[in-house]
Amino acid sequence: MRRGFIALRDRLRAFPDERLETEDFARAAEHFNTCRARGIQGSNTAFLICAVAERRGVPILTTDADFTRYAMVLPIALHTTKGTSRL
């Protein structure tokens, strides 16, 4: 398992870090409230990812099924493995 983590970490180093803005944290809190009001639970980290992706206008690449639920109520796009985006 540690080996897989190291390999993934090394590959991801090719990408620059995304700067987080104060507005991202506020927007993540709004996403939390929106989802919670509809009975959808999620983590602070997940909603921060949603907020940054929304601000940048980029789809989220994930295998986490929770993001499919978030995408039903949040203005985010998910990247599918077939090279298309879905809302």
PDB file of N, CA and C in Angstrom:
ATOM      1  N   MET A   1       0.833  -1.192   0.000  1.00  0.00           N
ATOM      2  CA  MET A   1       0.000   0.000   0.000  1.00  0.00           C
ATOM      3  C   MET A   1       0.876   1.253   0.000  1.00  0.00           C
ATOM      4  N   ARG A   2       1.886   1.281   0.805  1.00  0.00           N
ATOM      5  CA  ARG A   2       2.798   2.424   0.868  1.00  0.00           C
ATOM      6  C   ARG A   2       3.452   2.668  -0.490  1.00  0.00           C
ATOM      7  N   ARG A   3       3.749   1.584  -1.182  1.00  0.00           N
ATOM      8  CA  ARG A   3       4.371   1.685  -2.502  1.00  0.00           C
ATOM      9  C   ARG A   3       3.461   2.407  -3.495  1.00  0.00           C
ATOM     10  N   GLY A   4       2.162   2.035  -3.463  1.00  0.00           N
ATOM     11  CA  GLY A   4       1.186   2.677  -4.345  1.00  0.00           C
ATOM     12  C   GLY A   4       1.036   4.148  -4.034  1.00  0.00           C
ATOM     13  N   PHE A   5       1.056   4.489  -2.745  1.00  0.00           N
ATOM     14  CA  PHE A   5       0.967   5.888  -2.342  1.00  0.00           C
ATOM     15  C   PHE A   5       2.154   6.677  -2.878  1.00  0.00           C
ATOM     16  N   ILE A   6       3.332   6.124  -2.731  1.00  0.00           N
ATOM     17  CA  ILE A   6       4.544   6.819  -3.186  1.00  0.00           C
ATOM     18  C   ILE A   6       4.521   7.011  -4.696  1.00  0.00           C
ATOM     19  N   ALA A   7       4.094   6.006  -5.422  1.00  0.00           N
ATOM     20  CA  ALA A   7       4.015   6.114  -6.882  1.00  0.00           C
ATOM     21  C   ALA A   7       3.009   7.188  -7.294  1.00  0.00           C
ATOM     22  N   LEU A   8       1.842   7.210  -6.655  1.00  0.00           N
ATOM     23  CA  LEU A   8       0.835   8.223  -6.961  1.00  0.00           C
ATOM     24  C   LEU A   8       1.337   9.609  -6.591  1.00  0.00           C
ATOM     25  N   ARG A   9       1.912   9.739  -5.408  1.00  0.00           N
ATOM     26  CA  ARG A   9       2.454  11.029  -4.960  1.00  0.00           C
ATOM     27  C   ARG A   9       3.478  11.560  -5.961  1.00  0.00           C
ATOM     28  N   ASP A  10       4.350  10.706  -6.420  1.00  0.00           N
ATOM     29  CA  ASP A  10       5.387  11.130  -7.359  1.00  0.00           C
ATOM     30  C   ASP A  10       4.791  11.575  -8.690  1.00  0.00           C
ATOM     31  N   ARG A  11       3.745  10.905  -9.140  1.00  0.00           N
ATOM     32  CA  ARG A  11       3.092  11.309 -10.391  1.00  0.00           C
ATOM     33  C   ARG A  11       2.354  12.638 -10.243  1.00  0.00           C
ATOM     34  N   LEU A  12       1.732  12.831  -9.100  1.00  0.00           N
ATOM     35  CA  LEU A  12       0.970  14.065  -8.879  1.00  0.00           C
ATOM     36  C   LEU A  12       1.865  15.285  -8.700  1.00  0.00           C
ATOM     37  N   ARG A  13       3.112  15.083  -8.386  1.00  0.00           N
ATOM     38  CA  ARG A  13       4.040  16.208  -8.232  1.00  0.00           C
ATOM     39  C   ARG A  13       4.247  16.978  -9.533  1.00  0.00           C
ATOM     40  N   ALA A  14       3.886  16.367 -10.641  1.00  0.00           N
ATOM     41  CA  ALA A  14       4.002  17.045 -11.933  1.00  0.00           C
ATOM     42  C   ALA A  14       3.000  18.196 -12.062  1.00  0.00           C
ATOM     43  N   PHE A  15       1.959  18.181 -11.238  1.00  0.00           N
ATOM     44  CA  PHE A  15       0.922  19.208 -11.294  1.00  0.00           C
ATOM     45  C   PHE A  15       1.180  20.277 -10.240  1.00  0.00           C
ATOM     46  N   PRO A  16       0.954  21.538 -10.597  1.00  0.00           N
ATOM     47  CA  PRO A  16       1.143  22.599  -9.601  1.00  0.00           C
ATOM     48  C   PRO A  16       0.043  22.551  -8.540  1.00  0.00           C
ATOM     49  N   ASP A  17       0.373  22.993  -7.348  1.00  0.00           N
ATOM     50  CA  ASP A  17      -0.623  23.105  -6.287  1.00  0.00           C
ATOM     51  C   ASP A  17      -1.594  24.227  -6.623  1.00  0.00           C
ATOM     52  N   GLU A  18      -2.841  24.024  -6.287  1.00  0.00           N
ATOM     53  CA  GLU A  18      -3.866  25.054  -6.486  1.00  0.00           C
ATOM     54  C   GLU A  18      -3.918  25.933  -5.244  1.00  0.00           C
ATOM     55  N   ARG A  19      -3.828  27.227  -5.463  1.00  0.00           N
ATOM     56  CA  ARG A  19      -3.934  28.156  -4.337  1.00  0.00           C
ATOM     57  C   ARG A  19      -5.369  28.216  -3.850  1.00  0.00           C
ATOM     58  N   LEU A  20      -5.536  28.173  -2.546  1.00  0.00           N
ATOM     59  CA  LEU A  20      -6.860  28.305  -1.955  1.00  0.00           C
ATOM     60  C   LEU A  20      -7.084  29.758  -1.577  1.00  0.00           C
ATOM     61  N   GLU A  21      -8.248  30.240  -1.882  1.00  0.00           N
ATOM     62  CA  GLU A  21      -8.634  31.614  -1.575  1.00  0.00           C
ATOM     63  C   GLU A  21      -9.598  31.596  -0.396  1.00  0.00           C
ATOM     64  N   THR A  22      -9.699  32.709   0.307  1.00  0.00           N
ATOM     65  CA  THR A  22     -10.639  32.816   1.421  1.00  0.00           C
ATOM     66  C   THR A  22     -12.049  32.487   0.964  1.00  0.00           C
ATOM     67  N   GLU A  23     -12.405  32.939  -0.224  1.00  0.00           N
ATOM     68  CA  GLU A  23     -13.750  32.690  -0.753  1.00  0.00           C
ATOM     69  C   GLU A  23     -14.023  31.195  -0.932  1.00  0.00           C
ATOM     70  N   ASP A  24     -12.980  30.394  -1.151  1.00  0.00           N
ATOM     71  CA  ASP A  24     -13.171  28.947  -1.313  1.00  0.00           C
ATOM     72  C   ASP A  24     -13.737  28.325  -0.039  1.00  0.00           C
ATOM     73  N   PHE A  25     -13.251  28.768   1.091  1.00  0.00           N
ATOM     74  CA  PHE A  25     -13.713  28.218   2.368  1.00  0.00           C
ATOM     75  C   PHE A  25     -15.163  28.628   2.646  1.00  0.00           C
ATOM     76  N   ALA A  26     -15.490  29.864   2.317  1.00  0.00           N
ATOM     77  CA  ALA A  26     -16.866  30.332   2.498  1.00  0.00           C
ATOM     78  C   ALA A  26     -17.803  29.579   1.554  1.00  0.00           C
ATOM     79  N   ARG A  27     -17.363  29.378   0.324  1.00  0.00           N
ATOM     80  CA  ARG A  27     -18.191  28.663  -0.649  1.00  0.00           C
ATOM     81  C   ARG A  27     -18.354  27.200  -0.247  1.00  0.00           C
ATOM     82  N   ALA A  28     -17.295  26.607   0.298  1.00  0.00           N
ATOM     83  CA  ALA A  28     -17.383  25.223   0.777  1.00  0.00           C
ATOM     84  C   ALA A  28     -18.429  25.107   1.877  1.00  0.00           C
ATOM     85  N   ALA A  29     -18.489  26.102   2.766  1.00  0.00           N
ATOM     86  CA  ALA A  29     -19.494  26.107   3.831  1.00  0.00           C
ATOM     87  C   ALA A  29     -20.897  26.217   3.231  1.00  0.00           C
ATOM     88  N   GLU A  30     -21.048  27.022   2.187  1.00  0.00           N
ATOM     89  CA  GLU A  30     -22.345  27.119   1.514  1.00  0.00           C
ATOM     90  C   GLU A  30     -22.723  25.776   0.890  1.00  0.00           C
ATOM     91  N   HIS A  31     -21.751  25.109   0.280  1.00  0.00           N
ATOM     92  CA  HIS A  31     -22.011  23.790  -0.309  1.00  0.00           C
ATOM     93  C   HIS A  31     -22.433  22.790   0.768  1.00  0.00           C
ATOM     94  N   PHE A  32     -21.772  22.850   1.915  1.00  0.00           N
ATOM     95  CA  PHE A  32     -22.131  21.983   3.034  1.00  0.00           C
ATOM     96  C   PHE A  32     -23.595  22.210   3.412  1.00  0.00           C
ATOM     97  N   ASN A  33     -23.974  23.469   3.566  1.00  0.00           N
ATOM     98  CA  ASN A  33     -25.346  23.802   3.957  1.00  0.00           C
ATOM     99  C   ASN A  33     -26.361  23.377   2.901  1.00  0.00           C
ATOM    100  N   THR A  34     -26.037  23.587   1.637  1.00  0.00           N
ATOM    101  CA  THR A  34     -26.929  23.197   0.540  1.00  0.00           C
ATOM    102  C   THR A  34     -27.161  21.694   0.553  1.00  0.00           C
ATOM    103  N   CYS A  35     -26.078  20.943   0.681  1.00  0.00           N
ATOM    104  CA  CYS A  35     -26.204  19.488   0.680  1.00  0.00           C
ATOM    105  C   CYS A  35     -26.911  18.990   1.931  1.00  0.00           C
ATOM    106  N   ARG A  36     -26.547  19.528   3.050  1.00  0.00           N
ATOM    107  CA  ARG A  36     -27.156  19.095   4.314  1.00  0.00           C
ATOM    108  C   ARG A  36     -28.670  19.318   4.300  1.00  0.00           C
ATOM    109  N   ALA A  37     -29.097  20.451   3.738  1.00  0.00           N
ATOM    110  CA  ALA A  37     -30.529  20.751   3.656  1.00  0.00           C
ATOM    111  C   ALA A  37     -31.279  19.738   2.802  1.00  0.00           C
ATOM    112  N   ARG A  38     -30.549  19.053   1.938  1.00  0.00           N
ATOM    113  CA  ARG A  38     -31.162  18.044   1.067  1.00  0.00           C
ATOM    114  C   ARG A  38     -30.844  16.618   1.528  1.00  0.00           C
ATOM    115  N   GLY A  39     -30.302  16.505   2.736  1.00  0.00           N
ATOM    116  CA  GLY A  39     -30.023  15.189   3.297  1.00  0.00           C
ATOM    117  C   GLY A  39     -28.770  14.520   2.767  1.00  0.00           C
ATOM    118  N   ILE A  40     -27.889  15.301   2.166  1.00  0.00           N
ATOM    119  CA  ILE A  40     -26.642  14.756   1.622  1.00  0.00           C
ATOM    120  C   ILE A  40     -25.508  15.144   2.552  1.00  0.00           C
ATOM    121  N   GLN A  41     -24.791  14.151   3.054  1.00  0.00           N
ATOM    122  CA  GLN A  41     -23.676  14.428   3.950  1.00  0.00           C
ATOM    123  C   GLN A  41     -22.364  14.391   3.190  1.00  0.00           C
ATOM    124  N   GLY A  42     -21.399  15.143   3.684  1.00  0.00           N
ATOM    125  CA  GLY A  42     -20.078  15.147   3.074  1.00  0.00           C
ATOM    126  C   GLY A  42     -19.065  15.748   4.015  1.00  0.00           C
ATOM    127  N   SER A  43     -17.816  15.629   3.639  1.00  0.00           N
ATOM    128  CA  SER A  43     -16.734  16.142   4.478  1.00  0.00           C
ATOM    129  C   SER A  43     -16.381  17.572   4.090  1.00  0.00           C
ATOM    130  N   ASN A  44     -15.751  18.260   5.008  1.00  0.00           N
ATOM    131  CA  ASN A  44     -15.276  19.617   4.725  1.00  0.00           C
ATOM    132  C   ASN A  44     -14.311  19.608   3.551  1.00  0.00           C
ATOM    133  N   THR A  45     -13.459  18.597   3.500  1.00  0.00           N
ATOM    134  CA  THR A  45     -12.488  18.492   2.407  1.00  0.00           C
ATOM    135  C   THR A  45     -13.198  18.318   1.069  1.00  0.00           C
ATOM    136  N   ALA A  46     -14.209  17.470   1.028  1.00  0.00           N
ATOM    137  CA  ALA A  46     -14.946  17.250  -0.224  1.00  0.00           C
ATOM    138  C   ALA A  46     -15.599  18.535  -0.706  1.00  0.00           C
ATOM    139  N   PHE A  47     -16.189  19.284   0.219  1.00  0.00           N
ATOM    140  CA  PHE A  47     -16.848  20.525  -0.187  1.00  0.00           C
ATOM    141  C   PHE A  47     -15.840  21.599  -0.583  1.00  0.00           C
ATOM    142  N   LEU A  48     -14.650  21.559  -0.014  1.00  0.00           N
ATOM    143  CA  LEU A  48     -13.594  22.480  -0.428  1.00  0.00           C
ATOM    144  C   LEU A  48     -13.138  22.144  -1.852  1.00  0.00           C
ATOM    145  N   ILE A  49     -13.029  20.862  -2.152  1.00  0.00           N
ATOM    146  CA  ILE A  49     -12.698  20.441  -3.519  1.00  0.00           C
ATOM    147  C   ILE A  49     -13.774  20.941  -4.481  1.00  0.00           C
ATOM    148  N   CYS A  50     -15.021  20.789  -4.105  1.00  0.00           N
ATOM    149  CA  CYS A  50     -16.126  21.273  -4.950  1.00  0.00           C
ATOM    150  C   CYS A  50     -16.041  22.779  -5.168  1.00  0.00           C
ATOM    151  N   ALA A  51     -15.748  23.523  -4.112  1.00  0.00           N
ATOM    152  CA  ALA A  51     -15.679  24.986  -4.209  1.00  0.00           C
ATOM    153  C   ALA A  51     -14.561  25.429  -5.144  1.00  0.00           C
ATOM    154  N   VAL A  52     -13.404  24.806  -5.028  1.00  0.00           N
ATOM    155  CA  VAL A  52     -12.263  25.180  -5.875  1.00  0.00           C
ATOM    156  C   VAL A  52     -12.537  24.794  -7.328  1.00  0.00           C
ATOM    157  N   ALA A  53     -13.093  23.608  -7.543  1.00  0.00           N
ATOM    158  CA  ALA A  53     -13.416  23.179  -8.904  1.00  0.00           C
ATOM    159  C   ALA A  53     -14.448  24.110  -9.535  1.00  0.00           C
ATOM    160  N   GLU A  54     -15.422  24.531  -8.748  1.00  0.00           N
ATOM    161  CA  GLU A  54     -16.427  25.467  -9.252  1.00  0.00           C
ATOM    162  C   GLU A  54     -15.781  26.791  -9.641  1.00  0.00           C
ATOM    163  N   ARG A  55     -14.933  27.327  -8.765  1.00  0.00           N
ATOM    164  CA  ARG A  55     -14.277  28.609  -9.047  1.00  0.00           C
ATOM    165  C   ARG A  55     -13.404  28.529 -10.290  1.00  0.00           C
ATOM    166  N   ARG A  56     -12.689  27.420 -10.436  1.00  0.00           N
ATOM    167  CA  ARG A  56     -11.795  27.256 -11.576  1.00  0.00           C
ATOM    168  C   ARG A  56     -12.515  26.825 -12.843  1.00  0.00           C
ATOM    169  N   GLY A  57     -13.754  26.337 -12.692  1.00  0.00           N
ATOM    170  CA  GLY A  57     -14.499  25.871 -13.862  1.00  0.00           C
ATOM    171  C   GLY A  57     -13.949  24.578 -14.434  1.00  0.00           C
ATOM    172  N   VAL A  58     -13.475  23.705 -13.555  1.00  0.00           N
ATOM    173  CA  VAL A  58     -12.904  22.437 -14.006  1.00  0.00           C
ATOM    174  C   VAL A  58     -13.711  21.276 -13.432  1.00  0.00           C
ATOM    175  N   PRO A  59     -13.790  20.179 -14.171  1.00  0.00           N
ATOM    176  CA  PRO A  59     -14.494  19.007 -13.648  1.00  0.00           C
ATOM    177  C   PRO A  59     -13.644  18.300 -12.589  1.00  0.00           C
ATOM    178  N   ILE A  60     -14.306  17.572 -11.736  1.00  0.00           N
ATOM    179  CA  ILE A  60     -13.642  16.821 -10.672  1.00  0.00           C
ATOM    180  C   ILE A  60     -13.469  15.381 -11.142  1.00  0.00           C
ATOM    181  N   LEU A  61     -12.245  14.885 -11.095  1.00  0.00           N
ATOM    182  CA  LEU A  61     -11.949  13.501 -11.437  1.00  0.00           C
ATOM    183  C   LEU A  61     -11.894  12.712 -10.138  1.00  0.00           C
ATOM    184  N   THR A  62     -12.818  11.795  -9.966  1.00  0.00           N
ATOM    185  CA  THR A  62     -12.899  11.034  -8.725  1.00  0.00           C
ATOM    186  C   THR A  62     -13.582   9.696  -8.960  1.00  0.00           C
ATOM    187  N   THR A  63     -13.288   8.755  -8.086  1.00  0.00           N
ATOM    188  CA  THR A  63     -14.013   7.484  -8.074  1.00  0.00           C
ATOM    189  C   THR A  63     -14.946   7.424  -6.867  1.00  0.00           C
ATOM    190  N   ASP A  64     -15.003   8.499  -6.107  1.00  0.00           N
ATOM    191  CA  ASP A  64     -15.829   8.584  -4.903  1.00  0.00           C
ATOM    192  C   ASP A  64     -17.283   8.854  -5.293  1.00  0.00           C
ATOM    193  N   ALA A  65     -18.148   7.906  -5.012  1.00  0.00           N
ATOM    194  CA  ALA A  65     -19.564   8.023  -5.393  1.00  0.00           C
ATOM    195  C   ALA A  65     -20.262   9.200  -4.716  1.00  0.00           C
ATOM    196  N   ASP A  66     -19.743   9.687  -3.603  1.00  0.00           N
ATOM    197  CA  ASP A  66     -20.362  10.832  -2.933  1.00  0.00           C
ATOM    198  C   ASP A  66     -20.427  12.047  -3.854  1.00  0.00           C
ATOM    199  N   PHE A  67     -19.429  12.210  -4.706  1.00  0.00           N
ATOM    200  CA  PHE A  67     -19.403  13.380  -5.584  1.00  0.00           C
ATOM    201  C   PHE A  67     -20.548  13.355  -6.594  1.00  0.00           C
ATOM    202  N   THR A  68     -21.026  12.170  -6.936  1.00  0.00           N
ATOM    203  CA  THR A  68     -22.188  12.073  -7.821  1.00  0.00           C
ATOM    204  C   THR A  68     -23.403  12.692  -7.141  1.00  0.00           C
ATOM    205  N   ARG A  69     -23.537  12.450  -5.847  1.00  0.00           N
ATOM    206  CA  ARG A  69     -24.640  13.047  -5.094  1.00  0.00           C
ATOM    207  C   ARG A  69     -24.467  14.562  -4.986  1.00  0.00           C
ATOM    208  N   TYR A  70     -23.244  15.019  -4.746  1.00  0.00           N
ATOM    209  CA  TYR A  70     -23.008  16.465  -4.660  1.00  0.00           C
ATOM    210  C   TYR A  70     -23.364  17.139  -5.979  1.00  0.00           C
ATOM    211  N   ALA A  71     -23.002  16.491  -7.082  1.00  0.00           N
ATOM    212  CA  ALA A  71     -23.233  17.079  -8.407  1.00  0.00           C
ATOM    213  C   ALA A  71     -24.715  17.218  -8.734  1.00  0.00           C
ATOM    214  N   MET A  72     -25.558  16.498  -8.012  1.00  0.00           N
ATOM    215  CA  MET A  72     -27.003  16.627  -8.248  1.00  0.00           C
ATOM    216  C   MET A  72     -27.541  17.948  -7.706  1.00  0.00           C
ATOM    217  N   VAL A  73     -26.832  18.563  -6.741  1.00  0.00           N
ATOM    218  CA  VAL A  73     -27.347  19.792  -6.125  1.00  0.00           C
ATOM    219  C   VAL A  73     -26.358  20.955  -6.156  1.00  0.00           C
ATOM    220  N   LEU A  74     -25.116  20.695  -6.521  1.00  0.00           N
ATOM    221  CA  LEU A  74     -24.103  21.759  -6.562  1.00  0.00           C
ATOM    222  C   LEU A  74     -23.721  22.055  -8.012  1.00  0.00           C
ATOM    223  N   PRO A  75     -23.255  23.268  -8.271  1.00  0.00           N
ATOM    224  CA  PRO A  75     -22.855  23.635  -9.635  1.00  0.00           C
ATOM    225  C   PRO A  75     -21.439  23.149  -9.953  1.00  0.00           C
ATOM    226  N   ILE A  76     -21.272  21.819  -9.944  1.00  0.00           N
ATOM    227  CA  ILE A  76     -19.971  21.223 -10.260  1.00  0.00           C
ATOM    228  C   ILE A  76     -20.143  20.227 -11.394  1.00  0.00           C
ATOM    229  N   ALA A  77     -19.060  19.953 -12.076  1.00  0.00           N
ATOM    230  CA  ALA A  77     -19.046  18.942 -13.131  1.00  0.00           C
ATOM    231  C   ALA A  77     -18.102  17.823 -12.698  1.00  0.00           C
ATOM    232  N   LEU A  78     -18.442  16.610 -13.086  1.00  0.00           N
ATOM    233  CA  LEU A  78     -17.587  15.469 -12.808  1.00  0.00           C
ATOM    234  C   LEU A  78     -16.991  14.965 -14.106  1.00  0.00           C
ATOM    235  N   HIS A  79     -15.735  14.612 -14.053  1.00  0.00           N
ATOM    236  CA  HIS A  79     -15.048  14.070 -15.217  1.00  0.00           C
ATOM    237  C   HIS A  79     -15.246  12.559 -15.194  1.00  0.00           C
ATOM    238  N   THR A  80     -15.705  12.018 -16.290  1.00  0.00           N
ATOM    239  CA  THR A  80     -15.882  10.570 -16.354  1.00  0.00           C
ATOM    240  C   THR A  80     -14.656   9.936 -16.988  1.00  0.00           C
ATOM    241  N   THR A  81     -14.515   8.657 -16.815  1.00  0.00           N
ATOM    242  CA  THR A  81     -13.350   7.955 -17.350  1.00  0.00           C
ATOM    243  C   THR A  81     -13.408   7.798 -18.860  1.00  0.00           C
ATOM    244  N   LYS A  82     -14.530   8.110 -19.469  1.00  0.00           N
ATOM    245  CA  LYS A  82     -14.651   8.004 -20.925  1.00  0.00           C
ATOM    246  C   LYS A  82     -14.300   9.314 -21.622  1.00  0.00           C
ATOM    247  N   GLY A  83     -13.756  10.272 -20.879  1.00  0.00           N
ATOM    248  CA  GLY A  83     -13.333  11.524 -21.475  1.00  0.00           C
ATOM    249  C   GLY A  83     -14.425  12.562 -21.634  1.00  0.00           C
ATOM    250  N   THR A  84     -15.577  12.344 -21.006  1.00  0.00           N
ATOM    251  CA  THR A  84     -16.646  13.339 -21.073  1.00  0.00           C
ATOM    252  C   THR A  84     -16.942  13.849 -19.690  1.00  0.00           C
ATOM    253  N   SER A  85     -17.538  14.993 -19.626  1.00  0.00           N
ATOM    254  CA  SER A  85     -17.938  15.558 -18.339  1.00  0.00           C
ATOM    255  C   SER A  85     -19.440  15.429 -18.191  1.00  0.00           C
ATOM    256  N   ARG A  86     -19.874  15.292 -16.963  1.00  0.00           N
ATOM    257  CA  ARG A  86     -21.307  15.253 -16.691  1.00  0.00           C
ATOM    258  C   ARG A  86     -21.584  16.152 -15.494  1.00  0.00           C
ATOM    259  N   LEU A  87     -22.803  16.635 -15.437  1.00  0.00           N
ATOM    260  CA  LEU A  87     -23.193  17.490 -14.312  1.00  0.00           C
ATOM    261  C   LEU A  87     -23.897  16.680 -13.268  1.00  0.00           C
TER     262      LEU A  87
END
